[in-house]
């Protein structure tokens, strides 16, 4: 459960920062001054970015949990070495 809430917080933060970045540095206008299509484009791009960051962050944790549940490794150290996090 901790991984899910951590990833959710990272995705939310990434989304909000992406929206701010796109309006300030790419479009260079306030949200209110943009058309609905531009606002939708910013939202979609920020959502895509947030989803990519979330999957990048959650993938190692998902691999660890899957290895522990499938009994491919008996301990956390064996799991980390199997997915090459610890050598």
N, C-alpha and C. Protein backbone atom coordinates (compact mmCIF):
# COMPACT_ATOMS: atom_id res chain seq x y z
N UNK A 1 0.82 -1.20 0.00
CA UNK A 1 0.00 0.00 0.00
C UNK A 1 0.86 1.26 0.00
N UNK A 2 2.01 1.18 0.64
CA UNK A 2 2.88 2.35 0.71
C UNK A 2 3.38 2.74 -0.67
N UNK A 3 3.74 1.75 -1.49
CA UNK A 3 4.24 2.05 -2.83
C UNK A 3 3.17 2.76 -3.65
N UNK A 4 1.92 2.30 -3.53
CA UNK A 4 0.84 2.90 -4.30
C UNK A 4 0.65 4.37 -3.93
N UNK A 5 0.63 4.67 -2.63
CA UNK A 5 0.41 6.05 -2.22
C UNK A 5 1.61 6.93 -2.58
N UNK A 6 2.82 6.37 -2.50
CA UNK A 6 4.01 7.13 -2.88
C UNK A 6 3.99 7.45 -4.37
N UNK A 7 3.66 6.46 -5.19
CA UNK A 7 3.60 6.68 -6.63
C UNK A 7 2.50 7.67 -6.97
N UNK A 8 1.38 7.60 -6.28
CA UNK A 8 0.28 8.55 -6.51
C UNK A 8 0.71 9.97 -6.21
N UNK A 9 1.43 10.15 -5.11
CA UNK A 9 1.90 11.50 -4.76
C UNK A 9 2.91 12.01 -5.78
N UNK A 10 3.80 11.14 -6.24
CA UNK A 10 4.78 11.54 -7.25
C UNK A 10 4.08 11.90 -8.55
N UNK A 11 3.09 11.10 -8.94
CA UNK A 11 2.36 11.38 -10.19
C UNK A 11 1.59 12.70 -10.09
N UNK A 12 0.95 12.93 -8.96
CA UNK A 12 0.20 14.18 -8.78
C UNK A 12 1.14 15.37 -8.84
N UNK A 13 2.26 15.29 -8.14
CA UNK A 13 3.22 16.38 -8.14
C UNK A 13 3.80 16.61 -9.54
N UNK A 14 4.11 15.52 -10.23
CA UNK A 14 4.64 15.63 -11.59
C UNK A 14 3.62 16.28 -12.51
N UNK A 15 2.36 15.89 -12.38
CA UNK A 15 1.30 16.48 -13.20
C UNK A 15 1.21 17.99 -12.97
N UNK A 16 1.15 18.39 -11.72
CA UNK A 16 1.01 19.81 -11.40
C UNK A 16 2.21 20.62 -11.87
N UNK A 17 3.41 20.09 -11.66
CA UNK A 17 4.60 20.80 -12.11
C UNK A 17 4.68 20.85 -13.64
N UNK A 18 4.24 19.80 -14.29
CA UNK A 18 4.24 19.78 -15.76
C UNK A 18 3.27 20.81 -16.32
N UNK A 19 2.10 20.92 -15.72
CA UNK A 19 1.13 21.93 -16.15
C UNK A 19 1.72 23.33 -15.99
N UNK A 20 2.30 23.60 -14.83
CA UNK A 20 2.91 24.91 -14.60
C UNK A 20 4.03 25.18 -15.60
N UNK A 21 4.88 24.18 -15.83
CA UNK A 21 5.99 24.34 -16.77
C UNK A 21 5.48 24.63 -18.18
N UNK A 22 4.47 23.89 -18.63
CA UNK A 22 3.96 24.07 -19.99
C UNK A 22 3.34 25.45 -20.18
N UNK A 23 2.57 25.91 -19.20
CA UNK A 23 1.96 27.23 -19.35
C UNK A 23 3.01 28.34 -19.26
N UNK A 24 3.98 28.22 -18.38
CA UNK A 24 4.96 29.29 -18.17
C UNK A 24 6.04 29.32 -19.26
N UNK A 25 6.51 28.17 -19.70
CA UNK A 25 7.68 28.12 -20.56
C UNK A 25 7.40 27.74 -22.01
N UNK A 26 6.31 27.03 -22.26
CA UNK A 26 6.03 26.58 -23.63
C UNK A 26 4.99 27.48 -24.28
N UNK A 27 3.84 27.59 -23.65
CA UNK A 27 2.77 28.40 -24.22
C UNK A 27 2.96 29.88 -23.91
N UNK A 28 3.51 30.16 -22.74
CA UNK A 28 3.81 31.52 -22.29
C UNK A 28 2.57 32.40 -22.18
N UNK A 29 1.48 31.77 -21.75
CA UNK A 29 0.24 32.49 -21.46
C UNK A 29 -0.41 31.86 -20.24
N UNK A 30 -1.31 32.60 -19.63
CA UNK A 30 -2.06 32.05 -18.50
C UNK A 30 -3.08 31.05 -19.03
N UNK A 31 -3.49 30.16 -18.17
CA UNK A 31 -4.48 29.14 -18.55
C UNK A 31 -5.77 29.81 -19.04
N UNK A 32 -6.17 30.85 -18.38
CA UNK A 32 -7.42 31.52 -18.72
C UNK A 32 -7.38 32.14 -20.11
N UNK A 33 -6.20 32.44 -20.61
CA UNK A 33 -6.06 33.07 -21.93
C UNK A 33 -5.95 32.04 -23.06
N UNK A 34 -5.93 30.77 -22.73
CA UNK A 34 -5.78 29.71 -23.73
C UNK A 34 -7.15 29.16 -24.13
N UNK A 35 -7.21 28.64 -25.34
CA UNK A 35 -8.45 28.02 -25.80
C UNK A 35 -8.66 26.68 -25.10
N UNK A 36 -9.86 26.13 -25.21
CA UNK A 36 -10.15 24.83 -24.60
C UNK A 36 -9.28 23.73 -25.20
N UNK A 37 -9.00 23.82 -26.50
CA UNK A 37 -8.15 22.82 -27.14
C UNK A 37 -6.73 22.89 -26.60
N UNK A 38 -6.21 24.08 -26.38
CA UNK A 38 -4.87 24.22 -25.80
C UNK A 38 -4.83 23.70 -24.36
N UNK A 39 -5.86 24.00 -23.61
CA UNK A 39 -5.93 23.51 -22.23
C UNK A 39 -5.99 21.99 -22.21
N UNK A 40 -6.75 21.41 -23.13
CA UNK A 40 -6.83 19.96 -23.22
C UNK A 40 -5.48 19.35 -23.60
N UNK A 41 -4.79 20.01 -24.53
CA UNK A 41 -3.47 19.54 -24.92
C UNK A 41 -2.48 19.57 -23.76
N UNK A 42 -2.50 20.64 -22.99
CA UNK A 42 -1.62 20.75 -21.82
C UNK A 42 -1.96 19.66 -20.81
N UNK A 43 -3.24 19.44 -20.56
CA UNK A 43 -3.65 18.41 -19.61
C UNK A 43 -3.22 17.02 -20.07
N UNK A 44 -3.41 16.73 -21.35
CA UNK A 44 -3.02 15.41 -21.87
C UNK A 44 -1.52 15.20 -21.80
N UNK A 45 -0.75 16.20 -22.17
CA UNK A 45 0.70 16.08 -22.13
C UNK A 45 1.21 15.95 -20.69
N UNK A 46 0.64 16.72 -19.80
CA UNK A 46 1.04 16.63 -18.39
C UNK A 46 0.64 15.27 -17.80
N UNK A 47 -0.52 14.76 -18.18
CA UNK A 47 -0.94 13.44 -17.72
C UNK A 47 -0.06 12.33 -18.25
N UNK A 48 0.33 12.44 -19.51
CA UNK A 48 1.24 11.46 -20.10
C UNK A 48 2.59 11.48 -19.38
N UNK A 49 3.09 12.67 -19.10
CA UNK A 49 4.35 12.81 -18.38
C UNK A 49 4.26 12.21 -16.98
N UNK A 50 3.19 12.51 -16.28
CA UNK A 50 3.00 11.98 -14.93
C UNK A 50 2.89 10.46 -14.95
N UNK A 51 2.18 9.92 -15.91
CA UNK A 51 2.07 8.46 -16.02
C UNK A 51 3.40 7.80 -16.32
N UNK A 52 4.19 8.41 -17.16
CA UNK A 52 5.52 7.87 -17.48
C UNK A 52 6.43 7.87 -16.26
N UNK A 53 6.42 8.98 -15.54
CA UNK A 53 7.25 9.06 -14.32
C UNK A 53 6.76 8.04 -13.29
N UNK A 54 5.45 7.92 -13.14
CA UNK A 54 4.91 6.95 -12.18
C UNK A 54 5.28 5.52 -12.51
N UNK A 55 5.23 5.16 -13.78
CA UNK A 55 5.60 3.78 -14.15
C UNK A 55 7.10 3.56 -14.00
N UNK A 56 7.90 4.59 -14.26
CA UNK A 56 9.34 4.48 -14.08
C UNK A 56 9.70 4.26 -12.61
N UNK A 57 8.96 4.92 -11.73
CA UNK A 57 9.24 4.81 -10.29
C UNK A 57 8.69 3.51 -9.72
N UNK A 58 7.54 3.06 -10.17
CA UNK A 58 6.91 1.89 -9.56
C UNK A 58 7.44 0.56 -10.12
N UNK A 59 8.09 0.56 -11.27
CA UNK A 59 8.54 -0.69 -11.87
C UNK A 59 9.49 -1.49 -10.98
N UNK A 60 10.54 -0.91 -10.41
CA UNK A 60 11.41 -1.72 -9.55
C UNK A 60 10.67 -2.30 -8.35
N UNK A 61 9.80 -1.53 -7.73
CA UNK A 61 9.06 -2.04 -6.58
C UNK A 61 8.13 -3.18 -6.99
N UNK A 62 7.50 -3.06 -8.15
CA UNK A 62 6.63 -4.13 -8.64
C UNK A 62 7.41 -5.41 -8.90
N UNK A 63 8.62 -5.27 -9.45
CA UNK A 63 9.46 -6.45 -9.69
C UNK A 63 9.86 -7.13 -8.39
N UNK A 64 10.17 -6.35 -7.38
CA UNK A 64 10.55 -6.91 -6.09
C UNK A 64 9.39 -7.68 -5.47
N UNK A 65 8.22 -7.08 -5.46
CA UNK A 65 7.05 -7.73 -4.88
C UNK A 65 6.68 -8.99 -5.66
N UNK A 66 6.74 -8.93 -6.99
CA UNK A 66 6.41 -10.11 -7.80
C UNK A 66 7.40 -11.24 -7.55
N UNK A 67 8.66 -10.93 -7.39
CA UNK A 67 9.66 -11.96 -7.12
C UNK A 67 9.46 -12.60 -5.76
N UNK A 68 9.10 -11.79 -4.78
CA UNK A 68 8.87 -12.34 -3.45
C UNK A 68 7.63 -13.22 -3.41
N UNK A 69 6.56 -12.80 -4.09
CA UNK A 69 5.33 -13.58 -4.09
C UNK A 69 5.43 -14.86 -4.90
N UNK A 70 6.21 -14.84 -5.95
CA UNK A 70 6.32 -16.04 -6.79
C UNK A 70 7.37 -17.03 -6.27
N UNK A 71 7.97 -16.67 -5.15
CA UNK A 71 8.97 -17.52 -4.49
C UNK A 71 10.19 -17.78 -5.37
N UNK A 72 10.52 -16.84 -6.26
CA UNK A 72 11.75 -16.97 -7.03
C UNK A 72 12.96 -16.69 -6.15
N UNK A 73 12.73 -16.00 -5.06
CA UNK A 73 13.81 -15.70 -4.12
C UNK A 73 13.25 -15.78 -2.70
N UNK A 74 14.09 -16.20 -1.80
CA UNK A 74 13.65 -16.37 -0.41
C UNK A 74 13.85 -15.13 0.45
N UNK A 75 14.67 -14.23 0.00
CA UNK A 75 14.92 -13.03 0.81
C UNK A 75 14.99 -11.79 -0.09
N UNK A 76 14.91 -10.66 0.55
CA UNK A 76 14.96 -9.39 -0.18
C UNK A 76 16.31 -9.20 -0.86
N UNK A 77 17.38 -9.63 -0.22
CA UNK A 77 18.72 -9.50 -0.82
C UNK A 77 18.80 -10.32 -2.10
N UNK A 78 18.25 -11.53 -2.10
CA UNK A 78 18.26 -12.36 -3.31
C UNK A 78 17.43 -11.73 -4.42
N UNK A 79 16.32 -11.13 -4.05
CA UNK A 79 15.48 -10.45 -5.04
C UNK A 79 16.23 -9.28 -5.66
N UNK A 80 16.85 -8.47 -4.82
CA UNK A 80 17.57 -7.31 -5.33
C UNK A 80 18.73 -7.71 -6.22
N UNK A 81 19.40 -8.79 -5.88
CA UNK A 81 20.49 -9.25 -6.75
C UNK A 81 19.96 -9.88 -8.03
N UNK A 82 18.81 -10.51 -7.96
CA UNK A 82 18.22 -11.13 -9.17
C UNK A 82 17.78 -10.08 -10.19
N UNK A 83 17.28 -8.96 -9.72
CA UNK A 83 16.88 -7.91 -10.67
C UNK A 83 17.98 -6.87 -10.84
N UNK A 84 19.17 -7.19 -10.35
CA UNK A 84 20.40 -6.42 -10.53
C UNK A 84 20.36 -5.02 -9.95
N UNK A 85 19.73 -4.87 -8.80
CA UNK A 85 19.81 -3.61 -8.08
C UNK A 85 21.04 -3.64 -7.17
N UNK A 86 21.28 -4.81 -6.55
CA UNK A 86 22.47 -5.02 -5.71
C UNK A 86 23.30 -6.08 -6.38
N UNK A 87 24.58 -5.83 -6.53
CA UNK A 87 25.45 -6.77 -7.22
C UNK A 87 26.11 -7.73 -6.29
